[in-house]
Amino acid sequence: MRLPPEELLRSEPSPDDLMLVVRGGTRSLDDTHLANQVGDCWERHHFFGVSVFGAPDDDLVALSRAVRAIRIRPVVRVARCRALRAAGFAVMPTFPNPHHFSVVLPDAAPATFDSLRGCFTAPEPNPGHEPEP
């Protein structure tokens, strides 16, 4: 598995196994959406990655307040880092936003996307949702 380049990583350790990661929206884990995101990540940064956001203390309301991309979504899908790691994915702190992490995939194959989806819950209401004005 190719990991993110050093210049994308924050200096903090990878999140602990209890940190919650979320994906916004109902189609965020569809094959088409994942293929686009993972392909874009490969083109720009040379690793297969999916953006997620960590919810400190499992607080989706606080995360929604801090991250517009989550706040505007009426539903979210959540996963535990331990489930992602158990499925063979790395979870790395990437980019300056302290809530942003990348789930690193070994490839962009449909079977890998299936495995990733299996780590996340079904879409559920976002308790911190605020529609845009």
C-alpha atoms as a PDB file:
ATOM      1  CA  MET A   1       0.000   0.000   0.000  1.00  0.00           C
ATOM      2  CA  ARG A   2       1.411   3.355  -0.993  1.00  0.00           C
ATOM      3  CA  LEU A   3       1.124   5.881   1.867  1.00  0.00           C
ATOM      4  CA  PRO A   4       0.613   9.646   1.559  1.00  0.00           C
ATOM      5  CA  PRO A   5       3.761  11.705   0.935  1.00  0.00           C
ATOM      6  CA  GLU A   6       5.379  13.223   4.020  1.00  0.00           C
ATOM      7  CA  GLU A   7       4.466  16.779   3.026  1.00  0.00           C
ATOM      8  CA  LEU A   8       0.729  15.941   3.320  1.00  0.00           C
ATOM      9  CA  LEU A   9       1.012  14.442   6.813  1.00  0.00           C
ATOM     10  CA  ARG A  10       0.487  16.405   9.997  1.00  0.00           C
ATOM     11  CA  SER A  11       3.027  15.817  12.767  1.00  0.00           C
ATOM     12  CA  GLU A  12       0.484  14.164  15.072  1.00  0.00           C
ATOM     13  CA  PRO A  13       0.159  10.389  15.384  1.00  0.00           C
ATOM     14  CA  SER A  14      -2.545   8.499  13.522  1.00  0.00           C
ATOM     15  CA  PRO A  15      -5.893   8.663  15.334  1.00  0.00           C
ATOM     16  CA  ASP A  16      -6.608   6.156  18.059  1.00  0.00           C
ATOM     17  CA  ASP A  17      -8.967   3.293  17.454  1.00  0.00           C
ATOM     18  CA  LEU A  18     -11.876   4.995  19.172  1.00  0.00           C
ATOM     19  CA  MET A  19     -11.959   8.099  16.994  1.00  0.00           C
ATOM     20  CA  LEU A  20     -14.992   8.288  14.774  1.00  0.00           C
ATOM     21  CA  VAL A  21     -14.615   9.059  11.081  1.00  0.00           C
ATOM     22  CA  VAL A  22     -17.499  10.219   8.945  1.00  0.00           C
ATOM     23  CA  ARG A  23     -18.472  10.554   5.325  1.00  0.00           C
ATOM     24  CA  GLY A  24     -21.215  12.994   4.428  1.00  0.00           C
ATOM     25  CA  GLY A  25     -24.072  12.293   2.098  1.00  0.00           C
ATOM     26  CA  THR A  26     -25.969   9.240   0.883  1.00  0.00           C
ATOM     27  CA  ARG A  27     -23.838   8.509  -2.192  1.00  0.00           C
ATOM     28  CA  SER A  28     -20.379   9.223  -0.755  1.00  0.00           C
ATOM     29  CA  LEU A  29     -19.473   5.513  -0.718  1.00  0.00           C
ATOM     30  CA  ASP A  30     -20.929   4.599  -4.132  1.00  0.00           C
ATOM     31  CA  ASP A  31     -18.436   3.032  -6.541  1.00  0.00           C
ATOM     32  CA  THR A  32     -18.637   5.992  -8.925  1.00  0.00           C
ATOM     33  CA  HIS A  33     -17.999   8.571  -6.212  1.00  0.00           C
ATOM     34  CA  LEU A  34     -15.193   6.529  -4.664  1.00  0.00           C
ATOM     35  CA  ALA A  35     -13.545   5.911  -8.045  1.00  0.00           C
ATOM     36  CA  ASN A  36     -13.591   9.662  -8.744  1.00  0.00           C
ATOM     37  CA  GLN A  37     -12.207  10.613  -5.337  1.00  0.00           C
ATOM     38  CA  VAL A  38      -9.562   7.887  -5.242  1.00  0.00           C
ATOM     39  CA  GLY A  39      -8.551   8.624  -8.840  1.00  0.00           C
ATOM     40  CA  ASP A  40      -8.244  12.328  -8.093  1.00  0.00           C
ATOM     41  CA  CYS A  41      -6.148  11.572  -5.001  1.00  0.00           C
ATOM     42  CA  TRP A  42      -3.853   9.355  -7.072  1.00  0.00           C
ATOM     43  CA  GLU A  43      -3.461  12.016  -9.768  1.00  0.00           C
ATOM     44  CA  ARG A  44      -2.689  14.785  -7.281  1.00  0.00           C
ATOM     45  CA  HIS A  45      -0.846  12.972  -4.484  1.00  0.00           C
ATOM     46  CA  HIS A  46       0.159   9.503  -5.774  1.00  0.00           C
ATOM     47  CA  PHE A  47      -1.724   7.381  -3.239  1.00  0.00           C
ATOM     48  CA  PHE A  48      -5.219   5.881  -3.179  1.00  0.00           C
ATOM     49  CA  GLY A  49      -7.032   7.874  -0.502  1.00  0.00           C
ATOM     50  CA  VAL A  50     -10.518   8.774   0.687  1.00  0.00           C
ATOM     51  CA  SER A  51     -11.098  11.924   2.736  1.00  0.00           C
ATOM     52  CA  VAL A  52     -12.786  11.543   6.108  1.00  0.00           C
ATOM     53  CA  PHE A  53     -13.170  13.764   9.149  1.00  0.00           C
ATOM     54  CA  GLY A  54     -12.537  12.768  12.752  1.00  0.00           C
ATOM     55  CA  ALA A  55     -15.076  13.621  15.433  1.00  0.00           C
ATOM     56  CA  PRO A  56     -13.258  14.389  18.697  1.00  0.00           C
ATOM     57  CA  ASP A  57     -14.962  12.617  21.589  1.00  0.00           C
ATOM     58  CA  ASP A  58     -17.377  11.111  19.023  1.00  0.00           C
ATOM     59  CA  ASP A  59     -19.208  14.462  18.927  1.00  0.00           C
ATOM     60  CA  LEU A  60     -20.855  14.841  15.507  1.00  0.00           C
ATOM     61  CA  VAL A  61     -22.445  18.148  16.498  1.00  0.00           C
ATOM     62  CA  ALA A  62     -19.037  19.658  17.318  1.00  0.00           C
ATOM     63  CA  LEU A  63     -17.569  18.227  14.119  1.00  0.00           C
ATOM     64  CA  SER A  64     -20.449  19.674  12.099  1.00  0.00           C
ATOM     65  CA  ARG A  65     -19.832  23.093  13.626  1.00  0.00           C
ATOM     66  CA  ALA A  66     -16.145  22.891  12.705  1.00  0.00           C
ATOM     67  CA  VAL A  67     -16.411  21.378   9.198  1.00  0.00           C
ATOM     68  CA  ARG A  68     -18.802  22.827   6.622  1.00  0.00           C
ATOM     69  CA  ALA A  69     -18.564  19.694   4.437  1.00  0.00           C
ATOM     70  CA  ILE A  70     -20.178  17.720   7.281  1.00  0.00           C
ATOM     71  CA  ARG A  71     -22.505  20.463   8.567  1.00  0.00           C
ATOM     72  CA  ILE A  72     -24.366  20.790   5.247  1.00  0.00           C
ATOM     73  CA  ARG A  73     -25.083  17.041   4.981  1.00  0.00           C
ATOM     74  CA  PRO A  74     -28.417  15.896   6.414  1.00  0.00           C
ATOM     75  CA  VAL A  75     -27.062  12.347   6.731  1.00  0.00           C
ATOM     76  CA  VAL A  76     -23.646  10.877   7.506  1.00  0.00           C
ATOM     77  CA  ARG A  77     -22.013   7.452   7.556  1.00  0.00           C
ATOM     78  CA  VAL A  78     -19.658   6.629  10.400  1.00  0.00           C
ATOM     79  CA  ALA A  79     -16.901   4.108  11.048  1.00  0.00           C
ATOM     80  CA  ARG A  80     -14.417   3.406  13.794  1.00  0.00           C
ATOM     81  CA  CYS A  81     -10.725   3.545  13.011  1.00  0.00           C
ATOM     82  CA  ARG A  82     -10.309   0.065  14.495  1.00  0.00           C
ATOM     83  CA  ALA A  83     -12.805  -1.326  11.952  1.00  0.00           C
ATOM     84  CA  LEU A  84     -10.983   0.397   9.098  1.00  0.00           C
ATOM     85  CA  ARG A  85      -7.624  -0.911  10.309  1.00  0.00           C
ATOM     86  CA  ALA A  86      -9.020  -4.425  10.818  1.00  0.00           C
ATOM     87  CA  ALA A  87     -10.121  -4.365   7.170  1.00  0.00           C
ATOM     88  CA  GLY A  88      -6.564  -3.500   6.103  1.00  0.00           C
ATOM     89  CA  PHE A  89      -6.859   0.271   5.633  1.00  0.00           C
ATOM     90  CA  ALA A  90      -4.541   2.872   7.138  1.00  0.00           C
ATOM     91  CA  VAL A  91      -5.975   6.062   8.650  1.00  0.00           C
ATOM     92  CA  MET A  92      -3.532   8.972   8.398  1.00  0.00           C
ATOM     93  CA  PRO A  93      -3.716  12.632   9.552  1.00  0.00           C
ATOM     94  CA  THR A  94      -3.465  14.611   6.317  1.00  0.00           C
ATOM     95  CA  PHE A  95      -3.649  18.249   5.242  1.00  0.00           C
ATOM     96  CA  PRO A  96      -3.747  21.255   7.611  1.00  0.00           C
ATOM     97  CA  ASN A  97      -7.369  20.863   8.801  1.00  0.00           C
ATOM     98  CA  PRO A  98      -7.011  19.124  12.202  1.00  0.00           C
ATOM     99  CA  HIS A  99     -10.212  17.150  11.576  1.00  0.00           C
ATOM    100  CA  HIS A 100      -9.126  15.792   8.178  1.00  0.00           C
ATOM    101  CA  PHE A 101      -7.775  12.272   7.730  1.00  0.00           C
ATOM    102  CA  SER A 102      -7.186  10.049   4.741  1.00  0.00           C
ATOM    103  CA  VAL A 103      -8.237   6.420   4.630  1.00  0.00           C
ATOM    104  CA  VAL A 104      -5.515   4.799   2.526  1.00  0.00           C
ATOM    105  CA  LEU A 105      -6.594   2.024   0.156  1.00  0.00           C
ATOM    106  CA  PRO A 106      -4.295  -0.547  -1.446  1.00  0.00           C
ATOM    107  CA  ASP A 107      -5.950  -0.040  -4.849  1.00  0.00           C
ATOM    108  CA  ALA A 108      -9.042   1.314  -6.579  1.00  0.00           C
ATOM    109  CA  ALA A 109     -10.727  -2.042  -7.238  1.00  0.00           C
ATOM    110  CA  PRO A 110     -14.466  -2.635  -6.713  1.00  0.00           C
ATOM    111  CA  ALA A 111     -13.672  -5.335  -4.111  1.00  0.00           C
ATOM    112  CA  THR A 112     -11.667  -2.765  -2.117  1.00  0.00           C
ATOM    113  CA  PHE A 113     -14.592  -0.340  -2.277  1.00  0.00           C
ATOM    114  CA  ASP A 114     -16.898  -3.115  -1.007  1.00  0.00           C
ATOM    115  CA  SER A 115     -14.557  -3.742   1.904  1.00  0.00           C
ATOM    116  CA  LEU A 116     -14.438  -0.025   2.700  1.00  0.00           C
ATOM    117  CA  ARG A 117     -18.244   0.263   2.615  1.00  0.00           C
ATOM    118  CA  GLY A 118     -18.474  -2.647   5.029  1.00  0.00           C
ATOM    119  CA  CYS A 119     -16.686  -0.556   7.660  1.00  0.00           C
ATOM    120  CA  PHE A 120     -19.275   2.241   7.611  1.00  0.00           C
ATOM    121  CA  THR A 121     -22.799   2.391   8.975  1.00  0.00           C
ATOM    122  CA  ALA A 122     -25.824   2.918   6.777  1.00  0.00           C
ATOM    123  CA  PRO A 123     -26.641   6.609   6.286  1.00  0.00           C
ATOM    124  CA  GLU A 124     -27.990   8.090   9.503  1.00  0.00           C
ATOM    125  CA  PRO A 125     -29.299  11.551  10.401  1.00  0.00           C
ATOM    126  CA  ASN A 126     -26.580  14.097  11.081  1.00  0.00           C
ATOM    127  CA  PRO A 127     -27.350  15.614  14.503  1.00  0.00           C
ATOM    128  CA  GLY A 128     -25.298  18.707  13.588  1.00  0.00           C
ATOM    129  CA  HIS A 129     -26.887  19.337  10.203  1.00  0.00           C
ATOM    130  CA  GLU A 130     -27.556  22.950   9.317  1.00  0.00           C
ATOM    131  CA  PRO A 131     -28.876  23.676   5.822  1.00  0.00           C
ATOM    132  CA  GLU A 132     -27.142  26.422   3.957  1.00  0.00           C
ATOM    133  CA  PRO A 133     -29.096  29.690   3.780  1.00  0.00           C
END
